[in-house]
């Protein structure tokens, strides 16, 4: 390699090093969760907990038989209840929780 003065590196080597560094930073960035995804997961868990609390707060419901899953603010209720009134009450309770965008009510009658 031909040197251009003491301590200087040819421009081609510097450019190659720069491109390699940028490529590695890009790959490393893809390996981590984005802050938005992490916040969304936390929000979904909080929404699920809030819906469970709302279900527990309704004395007419057997909340232990109702499963709650949340994905991007969409709450899915599943499990078994005793009446159509309980199906409606569970959906209404879920809608009262802050952050719930919609409710997919998949509850079944026993």
PDB file of N, CA and C in Angstrom:
ATOM      1  N   UNK A   1       0.840  -1.155   0.000  1.00  0.00           N
ATOM      2  CA  UNK A   1       0.000   0.000   0.000  1.00  0.00           C
ATOM      3  C   UNK A   1       0.890   1.224   0.000  1.00  0.00           C
ATOM      4  N   UNK A   2       0.534   2.172  -0.825  1.00  0.00           N
ATOM      5  CA  UNK A   2       1.312   3.383  -0.941  1.00  0.00           C
ATOM      6  C   UNK A   2       0.764   4.416   0.036  1.00  0.00           C
ATOM      7  N   UNK A   3       1.638   4.995   0.805  1.00  0.00           N
ATOM      8  CA  UNK A   3       1.236   6.006   1.785  1.00  0.00           C
ATOM      9  C   UNK A   3       1.380   7.379   1.173  1.00  0.00           C
ATOM     10  N   UNK A   4       0.450   8.237   1.587  1.00  0.00           N
ATOM     11  CA  UNK A   4       0.484   9.617   1.138  1.00  0.00           C
ATOM     12  C   UNK A   4       0.884  10.492   2.314  1.00  0.00           C
ATOM     13  N   UNK A   5       2.092  10.421   2.719  1.00  0.00           N
ATOM     14  CA  UNK A   5       2.568  11.191   3.857  1.00  0.00           C
ATOM     15  C   UNK A   5       2.521  10.329   5.117  1.00  0.00           C
ATOM     16  N   UNK A   6       3.064  10.815   6.157  1.00  0.00           N
ATOM     17  CA  UNK A   6       3.157  10.063   7.397  1.00  0.00           C
ATOM     18  C   UNK A   6       1.793  10.037   8.078  1.00  0.00           C
ATOM     19  N   UNK A   7       1.335   8.797   8.409  1.00  0.00           N
ATOM     20  CA  UNK A   7       0.091   8.618   9.136  1.00  0.00           C
ATOM     21  C   UNK A   7      -1.163   8.784   8.302  1.00  0.00           C
ATOM     22  N   UNK A   8      -1.040   8.960   7.015  1.00  0.00           N
ATOM     23  CA  UNK A   8      -2.224   9.128   6.182  1.00  0.00           C
ATOM     24  C   UNK A   8      -2.566   7.803   5.516  1.00  0.00           C
ATOM     25  N   UNK A   9      -3.853   7.572   5.337  1.00  0.00           N
ATOM     26  CA  UNK A   9      -4.355   6.340   4.729  1.00  0.00           C
ATOM     27  C   UNK A   9      -5.024   6.732   3.413  1.00  0.00           C
ATOM     28  N   UNK A  10      -4.870   5.902   2.376  1.00  0.00           N
ATOM     29  CA  UNK A  10      -5.512   6.221   1.099  1.00  0.00           C
ATOM     30  C   UNK A  10      -7.015   6.406   1.255  1.00  0.00           C
ATOM     31  N   UNK A  11      -7.597   7.243   0.446  1.00  0.00           N
ATOM     32  CA  UNK A  11      -9.023   7.559   0.518  1.00  0.00           C
ATOM     33  C   UNK A  11      -9.880   6.310   0.311  1.00  0.00           C
ATOM     34  N   UNK A  12      -9.444   5.367  -0.536  1.00  0.00           N
ATOM     35  CA  UNK A  12     -10.218   4.148  -0.798  1.00  0.00           C
ATOM     36  C   UNK A  12     -10.358   3.318   0.466  1.00  0.00           C
ATOM     37  N   UNK A  13      -9.299   3.228   1.267  1.00  0.00           N
ATOM     38  CA  UNK A  13      -9.344   2.458   2.512  1.00  0.00           C
ATOM     39  C   UNK A  13     -10.270   3.161   3.506  1.00  0.00           C
ATOM     40  N   UNK A  14     -10.218   4.461   3.605  1.00  0.00           N
ATOM     41  CA  UNK A  14     -11.080   5.215   4.519  1.00  0.00           C
ATOM     42  C   UNK A  14     -12.543   5.053   4.138  1.00  0.00           C
ATOM     43  N   UNK A  15     -12.838   5.122   2.858  1.00  0.00           N
ATOM     44  CA  UNK A  15     -14.218   4.974   2.393  1.00  0.00           C
ATOM     45  C   UNK A  15     -14.728   3.566   2.684  1.00  0.00           C
ATOM     46  N   UNK A  16     -13.887   2.553   2.469  1.00  0.00           N
ATOM     47  CA  UNK A  16     -14.277   1.169   2.740  1.00  0.00           C
ATOM     48  C   UNK A  16     -14.545   0.967   4.225  1.00  0.00           C
ATOM     49  N   UNK A  17     -13.697   1.529   5.048  1.00  0.00           N
ATOM     50  CA  UNK A  17     -13.882   1.427   6.500  1.00  0.00           C
ATOM     51  C   UNK A  17     -15.179   2.106   6.920  1.00  0.00           C
ATOM     52  N   UNK A  18     -15.451   3.265   6.367  1.00  0.00           N
ATOM     53  CA  UNK A  18     -16.668   3.991   6.680  1.00  0.00           C
ATOM     54  C   UNK A  18     -17.903   3.190   6.271  1.00  0.00           C
ATOM     55  N   UNK A  19     -17.898   2.635   5.080  1.00  0.00           N
ATOM     56  CA  UNK A  19     -19.043   1.846   4.609  1.00  0.00           C
ATOM     57  C   UNK A  19     -19.249   0.600   5.460  1.00  0.00           C
ATOM     58  N   UNK A  20     -18.173  -0.069   5.845  1.00  0.00           N
ATOM     59  CA  UNK A  20     -18.282  -1.253   6.694  1.00  0.00           C
ATOM     60  C   UNK A  20     -18.861  -0.893   8.057  1.00  0.00           C
ATOM     61  N   UNK A  21     -18.430   0.212   8.605  1.00  0.00           N
ATOM     62  CA  UNK A  21     -18.942   0.663   9.904  1.00  0.00           C
ATOM     63  C   UNK A  21     -20.428   0.981   9.820  1.00  0.00           C
ATOM     64  N   UNK A  22     -20.845   1.680   8.767  1.00  0.00           N
ATOM     65  CA  UNK A  22     -22.257   2.002   8.595  1.00  0.00           C
ATOM     66  C   UNK A  22     -23.096   0.746   8.422  1.00  0.00           C
ATOM     67  N   UNK A  23     -22.583  -0.230   7.682  1.00  0.00           N
ATOM     68  CA  UNK A  23     -23.308  -1.486   7.481  1.00  0.00           C
ATOM     69  C   UNK A  23     -23.487  -2.230   8.808  1.00  0.00           C
ATOM     70  N   UNK A  24     -22.444  -2.267   9.616  1.00  0.00           N
ATOM     71  CA  UNK A  24     -22.544  -2.942  10.906  1.00  0.00           C
ATOM     72  C   UNK A  24     -23.524  -2.229  11.832  1.00  0.00           C
ATOM     73  N   UNK A  25     -23.546  -0.913  11.802  1.00  0.00           N
ATOM     74  CA  UNK A  25     -24.500  -0.162  12.628  1.00  0.00           C
ATOM     75  C   UNK A  25     -25.923  -0.457  12.182  1.00  0.00           C
ATOM     76  N   UNK A  26     -26.131  -0.570  10.898  1.00  0.00           N
ATOM     77  CA  UNK A  26     -27.460  -0.893  10.378  1.00  0.00           C
ATOM     78  C   UNK A  26     -27.913  -2.267  10.804  1.00  0.00           C
ATOM     79  N   UNK A  27     -27.012  -3.247  10.766  1.00  0.00           N
ATOM     80  CA  UNK A  27     -27.355  -4.608  11.188  1.00  0.00           C
ATOM     81  C   UNK A  27     -27.636  -4.642  12.671  1.00  0.00           C
ATOM     82  N   UNK A  28     -26.828  -3.991  13.453  1.00  0.00           N
ATOM     83  CA  UNK A  28     -27.032  -3.970  14.904  1.00  0.00           C
ATOM     84  C   UNK A  28     -28.347  -3.288  15.247  1.00  0.00           C
ATOM     85  N   UNK A  29     -28.711  -2.270  14.492  1.00  0.00           N
ATOM     86  CA  UNK A  29     -29.973  -1.585  14.743  1.00  0.00           C
ATOM     87  C   UNK A  29     -31.167  -2.466  14.474  1.00  0.00           C
ATOM     88  N   UNK A  30     -31.071  -3.373  13.525  1.00  0.00           N
ATOM     89  CA  UNK A  30     -32.172  -4.270  13.220  1.00  0.00           C
ATOM     90  C   UNK A  30     -32.350  -5.336  14.291  1.00  0.00           C
ATOM     91  N   UNK A  31     -31.334  -5.608  15.052  1.00  0.00           N
ATOM     92  CA  UNK A  31     -31.394  -6.681  16.027  1.00  0.00           C
ATOM     93  C   UNK A  31     -32.119  -6.274  17.303  1.00  0.00           C
ATOM     94  N   UNK A  32     -32.383  -5.003  17.490  1.00  0.00           N
ATOM     95  CA  UNK A  32     -33.035  -4.564  18.723  1.00  0.00           C
ATOM     96  C   UNK A  32     -34.475  -4.162  18.438  1.00  0.00           C
ATOM     97  N   UNK A  33     -35.333  -4.263  19.458  1.00  0.00           N
ATOM     98  CA  UNK A  33     -36.710  -3.807  19.330  1.00  0.00           C
ATOM     99  C   UNK A  33     -36.716  -2.291  19.241  1.00  0.00           C
ATOM    100  N   UNK A  34     -37.628  -1.794  18.451  1.00  0.00           N
ATOM    101  CA  UNK A  34     -37.746  -0.339  18.394  1.00  0.00           C
ATOM    102  C   UNK A  34     -38.436   0.136  19.660  1.00  0.00           C
ATOM    103  N   UNK A  35     -38.165   1.358  20.072  1.00  0.00           N
ATOM    104  CA  UNK A  35     -38.826   1.885  21.268  1.00  0.00           C
ATOM    105  C   UNK A  35     -40.344   1.851  21.142  1.00  0.00           C
ATOM    106  N   UNK A  36     -40.857   2.074  19.932  1.00  0.00           N
ATOM    107  CA  UNK A  36     -42.298   2.053  19.722  1.00  0.00           C
ATOM    108  C   UNK A  36     -42.872   0.668  19.989  1.00  0.00           C
ATOM    109  N   UNK A  37     -42.191  -0.383  19.527  1.00  0.00           N
ATOM    110  CA  UNK A  37     -42.668  -1.748  19.758  1.00  0.00           C
ATOM    111  C   UNK A  37     -42.661  -2.076  21.244  1.00  0.00           C
ATOM    112  N   UNK A  38     -41.647  -1.645  21.947  1.00  0.00           N
ATOM    113  CA  UNK A  38     -41.571  -1.903  23.381  1.00  0.00           C
ATOM    114  C   UNK A  38     -42.685  -1.184  24.114  1.00  0.00           C
ATOM    115  N   UNK A  39     -42.937   0.071  23.743  1.00  0.00           N
ATOM    116  CA  UNK A  39     -44.020   0.827  24.378  1.00  0.00           C
ATOM    117  C   UNK A  39     -45.355   0.165  24.088  1.00  0.00           C
ATOM    118  N   UNK A  40     -45.567  -0.291  22.846  1.00  0.00           N
ATOM    119  CA  UNK A  40     -46.824  -0.932  22.474  1.00  0.00           C
ATOM    120  C   UNK A  40     -47.045  -2.200  23.286  1.00  0.00           C
ATOM    121  N   UNK A  41     -45.987  -3.014  23.487  1.00  0.00           N
ATOM    122  CA  UNK A  41     -46.119  -4.228  24.280  1.00  0.00           C
ATOM    123  C   UNK A  41     -46.498  -3.883  25.710  1.00  0.00           C
ATOM    124  N   UNK A  42     -45.890  -2.857  26.263  1.00  0.00           N
ATOM    125  CA  UNK A  42     -46.200  -2.427  27.621  1.00  0.00           C
ATOM    126  C   UNK A  42     -47.632  -1.929  27.700  1.00  0.00           C
ATOM    127  N   UNK A  43     -48.060  -1.134  26.726  1.00  0.00           N
ATOM    128  CA  UNK A  43     -49.427  -0.631  26.708  1.00  0.00           C
ATOM    129  C   UNK A  43     -50.428  -1.772  26.616  1.00  0.00           C
ATOM    130  N   UNK A  44     -50.174  -2.752  25.758  1.00  0.00           N
ATOM    131  CA  UNK A  44     -51.074  -3.896  25.607  1.00  0.00           C
ATOM    132  C   UNK A  44     -51.188  -4.675  26.915  1.00  0.00           C
ATOM    133  N   UNK A  45     -50.078  -4.857  27.600  1.00  0.00           N
ATOM    134  CA  UNK A  45     -50.115  -5.570  28.881  1.00  0.00           C
ATOM    135  C   UNK A  45     -50.918  -4.763  29.902  1.00  0.00           C
ATOM    136  N   UNK A  46     -50.744  -3.462  29.914  1.00  0.00           N
ATOM    137  CA  UNK A  46     -51.503  -2.601  30.819  1.00  0.00           C
ATOM    138  C   UNK A  46     -52.990  -2.605  30.506  1.00  0.00           C
ATOM    139  N   UNK A  47     -53.308  -2.601  29.217  1.00  0.00           N
ATOM    140  CA  UNK A  47     -54.715  -2.654  28.808  1.00  0.00           C
ATOM    141  C   UNK A  47     -55.336  -3.972  29.254  1.00  0.00           C
ATOM    142  N   UNK A  48     -54.628  -5.083  29.020  1.00  0.00           N
ATOM    143  CA  UNK A  48     -55.140  -6.391  29.443  1.00  0.00           C
ATOM    144  C   UNK A  48     -55.387  -6.422  30.946  1.00  0.00           C
ATOM    145  N   UNK A  49     -54.452  -5.882  31.711  1.00  0.00           N
ATOM    146  CA  UNK A  49     -54.602  -5.841  33.168  1.00  0.00           C
ATOM    147  C   UNK A  49     -55.795  -4.977  33.560  1.00  0.00           C
ATOM    148  N   UNK A  50     -55.979  -3.858  32.888  1.00  0.00           N
ATOM    149  CA  UNK A  50     -57.107  -2.983  33.160  1.00  0.00           C
ATOM    150  C   UNK A  50     -58.439  -3.640  32.851  1.00  0.00           C
ATOM    151  N   UNK A  51     -58.480  -4.374  31.731  1.00  0.00           N
ATOM    152  CA  UNK A  51     -59.713  -5.077  31.363  1.00  0.00           C
ATOM    153  C   UNK A  51     -60.018  -6.169  32.387  1.00  0.00           C
ATOM    154  N   UNK A  52     -58.995  -6.917  32.792  1.00  0.00           N
ATOM    155  CA  UNK A  52     -59.196  -7.960  33.813  1.00  0.00           C
ATOM    156  C   UNK A  52     -59.738  -7.340  35.097  1.00  0.00           C
ATOM    157  N   UNK A  53     -59.182  -6.192  35.500  1.00  0.00           N
ATOM    158  CA  UNK A  53     -59.649  -5.504  36.706  1.00  0.00           C
ATOM    159  C   UNK A  53     -61.107  -5.058  36.546  1.00  0.00           C
ATOM    160  N   UNK A  54     -61.452  -4.551  35.359  1.00  0.00           N
ATOM    161  CA  UNK A  54     -62.831  -4.124  35.108  1.00  0.00           C
ATOM    162  C   UNK A  54     -63.784  -5.314  35.167  1.00  0.00           C
ATOM    163  N   UNK A  55     -63.355  -6.452  34.649  1.00  0.00           N
ATOM    164  CA  UNK A  55     -64.183  -7.662  34.700  1.00  0.00           C
ATOM    165  C   UNK A  55     -64.356  -8.141  36.135  1.00  0.00           C
ATOM    166  N   UNK A  56     -63.262  -8.084  36.901  1.00  0.00           N
ATOM    167  CA  UNK A  56     -63.337  -8.484  38.312  1.00  0.00           C
ATOM    168  C   UNK A  56     -64.235  -7.541  39.104  1.00  0.00           C
ATOM    169  N   UNK A  57     -64.282  -6.281  38.705  1.00  0.00           N
ATOM    170  CA  UNK A  57     -65.098  -5.292  39.391  1.00  0.00           C
ATOM    171  C   UNK A  57     -66.585  -5.443  39.130  1.00  0.00           C
ATOM    172  N   UNK A  58     -66.940  -6.222  38.115  1.00  0.00           N
ATOM    173  CA  UNK A  58     -68.350  -6.454  37.809  1.00  0.00           C
ATOM    174  C   UNK A  58     -68.787  -7.738  38.510  1.00  0.00           C
ATOM    175  N   UNK A  59     -69.601  -7.596  39.559  1.00  0.00           N
ATOM    176  CA  UNK A  59     -70.007  -8.751  40.374  1.00  0.00           C
ATOM    177  C   UNK A  59     -70.843  -9.766  39.598  1.00  0.00           C
ATOM    178  N   UNK A  60     -71.439  -9.352  38.496  1.00  0.00           N
ATOM    179  CA  UNK A  60     -72.282 -10.278  37.736  1.00  0.00           C
ATOM    180  C   UNK A  60     -71.472 -11.219  36.844  1.00  0.00           C
ATOM    181  N   UNK A  61     -70.159 -10.985  36.742  1.00  0.00           N
ATOM    182  CA  UNK A  61     -69.311 -11.794  35.861  1.00  0.00           C
ATOM    183  C   UNK A  61     -68.404 -12.728  36.645  1.00  0.00           C
ATOM    184  N   UNK A  62     -68.169 -13.903  36.090  1.00  0.00           N
ATOM    185  CA  UNK A  62     -67.145 -14.804  36.626  1.00  0.00           C
ATOM    186  C   UNK A  62     -65.879 -14.536  35.813  1.00  0.00           C
ATOM    187  N   UNK A  63     -65.137 -13.532  36.227  1.00  0.00           N
ATOM    188  CA  UNK A  63     -63.971 -13.074  35.473  1.00  0.00           C
ATOM    189  C   UNK A  63     -62.906 -14.147  35.352  1.00  0.00           C
ATOM    190  N   UNK A  64     -62.872 -15.097  36.278  1.00  0.00           N
ATOM    191  CA  UNK A  64     -61.852 -16.142  36.226  1.00  0.00           C
ATOM    192  C   UNK A  64     -62.038 -17.059  35.024  1.00  0.00           C
ATOM    193  N   UNK A  65     -63.206 -17.038  34.416  1.00  0.00           N
ATOM    194  CA  UNK A  65     -63.470 -17.885  33.246  1.00  0.00           C
ATOM    195  C   UNK A  65     -63.361 -17.115  31.933  1.00  0.00           C
ATOM    196  N   UNK A  66     -62.901 -15.870  32.016  1.00  0.00           N
ATOM    197  CA  UNK A  66     -62.756 -15.035  30.824  1.00  0.00           C
ATOM    198  C   UNK A  66     -61.289 -14.730  30.603  1.00  0.00           C
ATOM    199  N   UNK A  67     -60.799 -15.058  29.415  1.00  0.00           N
ATOM    200  CA  UNK A  67     -59.415 -14.765  29.037  1.00  0.00           C
ATOM    201  C   UNK A  67     -59.380 -13.441  28.278  1.00  0.00           C
ATOM    202  N   UNK A  68     -58.338 -12.670  28.526  1.00  0.00           N
ATOM    203  CA  UNK A  68     -58.177 -11.356  27.887  1.00  0.00           C
ATOM    204  C   UNK A  68     -56.829 -11.326  27.183  1.00  0.00           C
ATOM    205  N   UNK A  69     -56.848 -11.034  25.898  1.00  0.00           N
ATOM    206  CA  UNK A  69     -55.623 -10.839  25.110  1.00  0.00           C
ATOM    207  C   UNK A  69     -55.741  -9.504  24.400  1.00  0.00           C
ATOM    208  N   UNK A  70     -54.646  -8.760  24.347  1.00  0.00           N
ATOM    209  CA  UNK A  70     -54.659  -7.449  23.698  1.00  0.00           C
ATOM    210  C   UNK A  70     -53.514  -7.354  22.704  1.00  0.00           C
ATOM    211  N   UNK A  71     -53.822  -6.860  21.518  1.00  0.00           N
ATOM    212  CA  UNK A  71     -52.804  -6.643  20.496  1.00  0.00           C
ATOM    213  C   UNK A  71     -53.083  -5.299  19.838  1.00  0.00           C
ATOM    214  N   UNK A  72     -52.193  -4.361  20.017  1.00  0.00           N
ATOM    215  CA  UNK A  72     -52.292  -3.011  19.463  1.00  0.00           C
ATOM    216  C   UNK A  72     -53.608  -2.345  19.855  1.00  0.00           C
ATOM    217  N   UNK A  73     -54.029  -2.553  21.104  1.00  0.00           N
ATOM    218  CA  UNK A  73     -55.239  -1.919  21.609  1.00  0.00           C
ATOM    219  C   UNK A  73     -56.527  -2.652  21.300  1.00  0.00           C
ATOM    220  N   UNK A  74     -56.427  -3.725  20.517  1.00  0.00           N
ATOM    221  CA  UNK A  74     -57.614  -4.525  20.210  1.00  0.00           C
ATOM    222  C   UNK A  74     -57.695  -5.659  21.238  1.00  0.00           C
ATOM    223  N   UNK A  75     -58.766  -5.646  22.030  1.00  0.00           N
ATOM    224  CA  UNK A  75     -58.939  -6.620  23.104  1.00  0.00           C
ATOM    225  C   UNK A  75     -59.779  -7.790  22.591  1.00  0.00           C
ATOM    226  N   UNK A  76     -59.300  -9.000  22.872  1.00  0.00           N
ATOM    227  CA  UNK A  76     -60.045 -10.213  22.517  1.00  0.00           C
ATOM    228  C   UNK A  76     -60.467 -10.886  23.812  1.00  0.00           C
ATOM    229  N   UNK A  77     -61.780 -11.047  23.969  1.00  0.00           N
ATOM    230  CA  UNK A  77     -62.328 -11.751  25.119  1.00  0.00           C
ATOM    231  C   UNK A  77     -62.702 -13.151  24.675  1.00  0.00           C
ATOM    232  N   UNK A  78     -62.259 -14.155  25.420  1.00  0.00           N
ATOM    233  CA  UNK A  78     -62.625 -15.537  25.098  1.00  0.00           C
ATOM    234  C   UNK A  78     -62.889 -16.287  26.393  1.00  0.00           C
ATOM    235  N   UNK A  79     -63.560 -17.396  26.276  1.00  0.00           N
ATOM    236  CA  UNK A  79     -63.906 -18.196  27.441  1.00  0.00           C
ATOM    237  C   UNK A  79     -65.397 -18.460  27.460  1.00  0.00           C
ATOM    238  N   UNK A  80     -65.908 -18.783  28.642  1.00  0.00           N
ATOM    239  CA  UNK A  80     -67.306 -19.178  28.767  1.00  0.00           C
ATOM    240  C   UNK A  80     -68.015 -18.375  29.845  1.00  0.00           C
ATOM    241  N   UNK A  81     -69.250 -17.987  29.540  1.00  0.00           N
ATOM    242  CA  UNK A  81     -70.117 -17.298  30.491  1.00  0.00           C
ATOM    243  C   UNK A  81     -71.483 -17.979  30.465  1.00  0.00           C
ATOM    244  N   UNK A  82     -72.343 -17.618  31.436  1.00  0.00           N
ATOM    245  CA  UNK A  82     -73.625 -18.314  31.606  1.00  0.00           C
ATOM    246  C   UNK A  82     -74.778 -17.732  30.803  1.00  0.00           C
ATOM    247  N   UNK A  83     -74.668 -16.462  30.388  1.00  0.00           N
ATOM    248  CA  UNK A  83     -75.814 -15.861  29.697  1.00  0.00           C
ATOM    249  C   UNK A  83     -75.362 -14.827  28.670  1.00  0.00           C
ATOM    250  N   UNK A  84     -76.312 -14.474  27.805  1.00  0.00           N
ATOM    251  CA  UNK A  84     -76.045 -13.439  26.806  1.00  0.00           C
ATOM    252  C   UNK A  84     -75.820 -12.091  27.489  1.00  0.00           C
ATOM    253  N   UNK A  85     -76.485 -11.873  28.629  1.00  0.00           N
ATOM    254  CA  UNK A  85     -76.278 -10.631  29.379  1.00  0.00           C
ATOM    255  C   UNK A  85     -74.825 -10.517  29.843  1.00  0.00           C
ATOM    256  N   UNK A  86     -74.224 -11.642  30.246  1.00  0.00           N
ATOM    257  CA  UNK A  86     -72.824 -11.630  30.678  1.00  0.00           C
ATOM    258  C   UNK A  86     -71.893 -11.352  29.506  1.00  0.00           C
ATOM    259  N   UNK A  87     -72.235 -11.849  28.333  1.00  0.00           N
ATOM    260  CA  UNK A  87     -71.439 -11.559  27.135  1.00  0.00           C
ATOM    261  C   UNK A  87     -71.411 -10.052  26.897  1.00  0.00           C
ATOM    262  N   UNK A  88     -72.577  -9.433  26.954  1.00  0.00           N
ATOM    263  CA  UNK A  88     -72.682  -7.991  26.728  1.00  0.00           C
ATOM    264  C   UNK A  88     -72.001  -7.207  27.848  1.00  0.00           C
ATOM    265  N   UNK A  89     -72.161  -7.654  29.095  1.00  0.00           N
ATOM    266  CA  UNK A  89     -71.560  -6.955  30.231  1.00  0.00           C
ATOM    267  C   UNK A  89     -70.035  -6.995  30.159  1.00  0.00           C
ATOM    268  N   UNK A  90     -69.475  -8.117  29.746  1.00  0.00           N
ATOM    269  CA  UNK A  90     -68.019  -8.235  29.635  1.00  0.00           C
ATOM    270  C   UNK A  90     -67.480  -7.284  28.569  1.00  0.00           C
ATOM    271  N   UNK A  91     -68.157  -7.225  27.435  1.00  0.00           N
ATOM    272  CA  UNK A  91     -67.722  -6.320  26.365  1.00  0.00           C
ATOM    273  C   UNK A  91     -67.834  -4.863  26.821  1.00  0.00           C
ATOM    274  N   UNK A  92     -68.928  -4.536  27.508  1.00  0.00           N
ATOM    275  CA  UNK A  92     -69.116  -3.167  27.995  1.00  0.00           C
ATOM    276  C   UNK A  92     -68.036  -2.799  29.006  1.00  0.00           C
ATOM    277  N   UNK A  93     -67.692  -3.722  29.898  1.00  0.00           N
ATOM    278  CA  UNK A  93     -66.644  -3.459  30.895  1.00  0.00           C
ATOM    279  C   UNK A  93     -65.297  -3.242  30.207  1.00  0.00           C
ATOM    280  N   UNK A  94     -65.006  -4.042  29.192  1.00  0.00           N
ATOM    281  CA  UNK A  94     -63.730  -3.914  28.474  1.00  0.00           C
ATOM    282  C   UNK A  94     -63.630  -2.562  27.779  1.00  0.00           C
ATOM    283  N   UNK A  95     -64.733  -2.079  27.239  1.00  0.00           N
ATOM    284  CA  UNK A  95     -64.718  -0.801  26.515  1.00  0.00           C
ATOM    285  C   UNK A  95     -64.470   0.401  27.428  1.00  0.00           C
ATOM    286  N   UNK A  96     -64.646   0.232  28.727  1.00  0.00           N
ATOM    287  CA  UNK A  96     -64.439   1.347  29.654  1.00  0.00           C
ATOM    288  C   UNK A  96     -62.964   1.603  29.949  1.00  0.00           C
ATOM    289  N   UNK A  97     -62.097   0.669  29.572  1.00  0.00           N
ATOM    290  CA  UNK A  97     -60.670   0.772  29.899  1.00  0.00           C
ATOM    291  C   UNK A  97     -59.972   1.699  28.907  1.00  0.00           C
ATOM    292  N   UNK A  98     -59.186   2.596  29.438  1.00  0.00           N
ATOM    293  CA  UNK A  98     -58.444   3.555  28.602  1.00  0.00           C
ATOM    294  C   UNK A  98     -57.456   2.809  27.711  1.00  0.00           C
ATOM    295  N   UNK A  99     -57.417   3.174  26.441  1.00  0.00           N
ATOM    296  CA  UNK A  99     -56.487   2.574  25.487  1.00  0.00           C
ATOM    297  C   UNK A  99     -57.107   1.484  24.636  1.00  0.00           C
ATOM    298  N   UNK A 100     -58.301   1.029  24.990  1.00  0.00           N
ATOM    299  CA  UNK A 100     -58.973  -0.013  24.202  1.00  0.00           C
ATOM    300  C   UNK A 100     -59.502   0.623  22.920  1.00  0.00           C
ATOM    301  N   UNK A 101     -59.024   0.103  21.790  1.00  0.00           N
ATOM    302  CA  UNK A 101     -59.468   0.624  20.495  1.00  0.00           C
ATOM    303  C   UNK A 101     -60.732  -0.074  20.041  1.00  0.00           C
ATOM    304  N   UNK A 102     -60.793  -1.396  20.258  1.00  0.00           N
ATOM    305  CA  UNK A 102     -61.989  -2.164  19.926  1.00  0.00           C
ATOM    306  C   UNK A 102     -61.971  -3.464  20.722  1.00  0.00           C
ATOM    307  N   UNK A 103     -63.122  -4.137  20.750  1.00  0.00           N
ATOM    308  CA  UNK A 103     -63.259  -5.382  21.496  1.00  0.00           C
ATOM    309  C   UNK A 103     -63.765  -6.466  20.556  1.00  0.00           C
ATOM    310  N   UNK A 104     -63.025  -7.564  20.495  1.00  0.00           N
ATOM    311  CA  UNK A 104     -63.470  -8.764  19.762  1.00  0.00           C
ATOM    312  C   UNK A 104     -64.027  -9.717  20.815  1.00  0.00           C
ATOM    313  N   UNK A 105     -65.328  -9.823  20.855  1.00  0.00           N
ATOM    314  CA  UNK A 105     -65.983 -10.627  21.867  1.00  0.00           C
ATOM    315  C   UNK A 105     -66.200 -12.041  21.331  1.00  0.00           C
ATOM    316  N   UNK A 106     -65.394 -12.968  21.799  1.00  0.00           N
ATOM    317  CA  UNK A 106     -65.483 -14.368  21.381  1.00  0.00           C
ATOM    318  C   UNK A 106     -65.957 -15.253  22.527  1.00  0.00           C
ATOM    319  N   UNK A 107     -66.692 -14.646  23.468  1.00  0.00           N
ATOM    320  CA  UNK A 107     -67.198 -15.410  24.612  1.00  0.00           C
ATOM    321  C   UNK A 107     -68.280 -16.381  24.154  1.00  0.00           C
ATOM    322  N   UNK A 108     -68.339 -17.527  24.776  1.00  0.00           N
ATOM    323  CA  UNK A 108     -69.310 -18.578  24.445  1.00  0.00           C
ATOM    324  C   UNK A 108     -70.194 -18.852  25.661  1.00  0.00           C
ATOM    325  N   UNK A 109     -71.402 -19.268  25.371  1.00  0.00           N
ATOM    326  CA  UNK A 109     -72.297 -19.652  26.444  1.00  0.00           C
ATOM    327  C   UNK A 109     -72.029 -21.079  26.873  1.00  0.00           C
ATOM    328  N   UNK A 110     -72.149 -21.310  28.191  1.00  0.00           N
ATOM    329  CA  UNK A 110     -71.950 -22.666  28.724  1.00  0.00           C
ATOM    330  C   UNK A 110     -73.130 -23.530  28.345  1.00  0.00           C
TER     331      UNK A 110
END
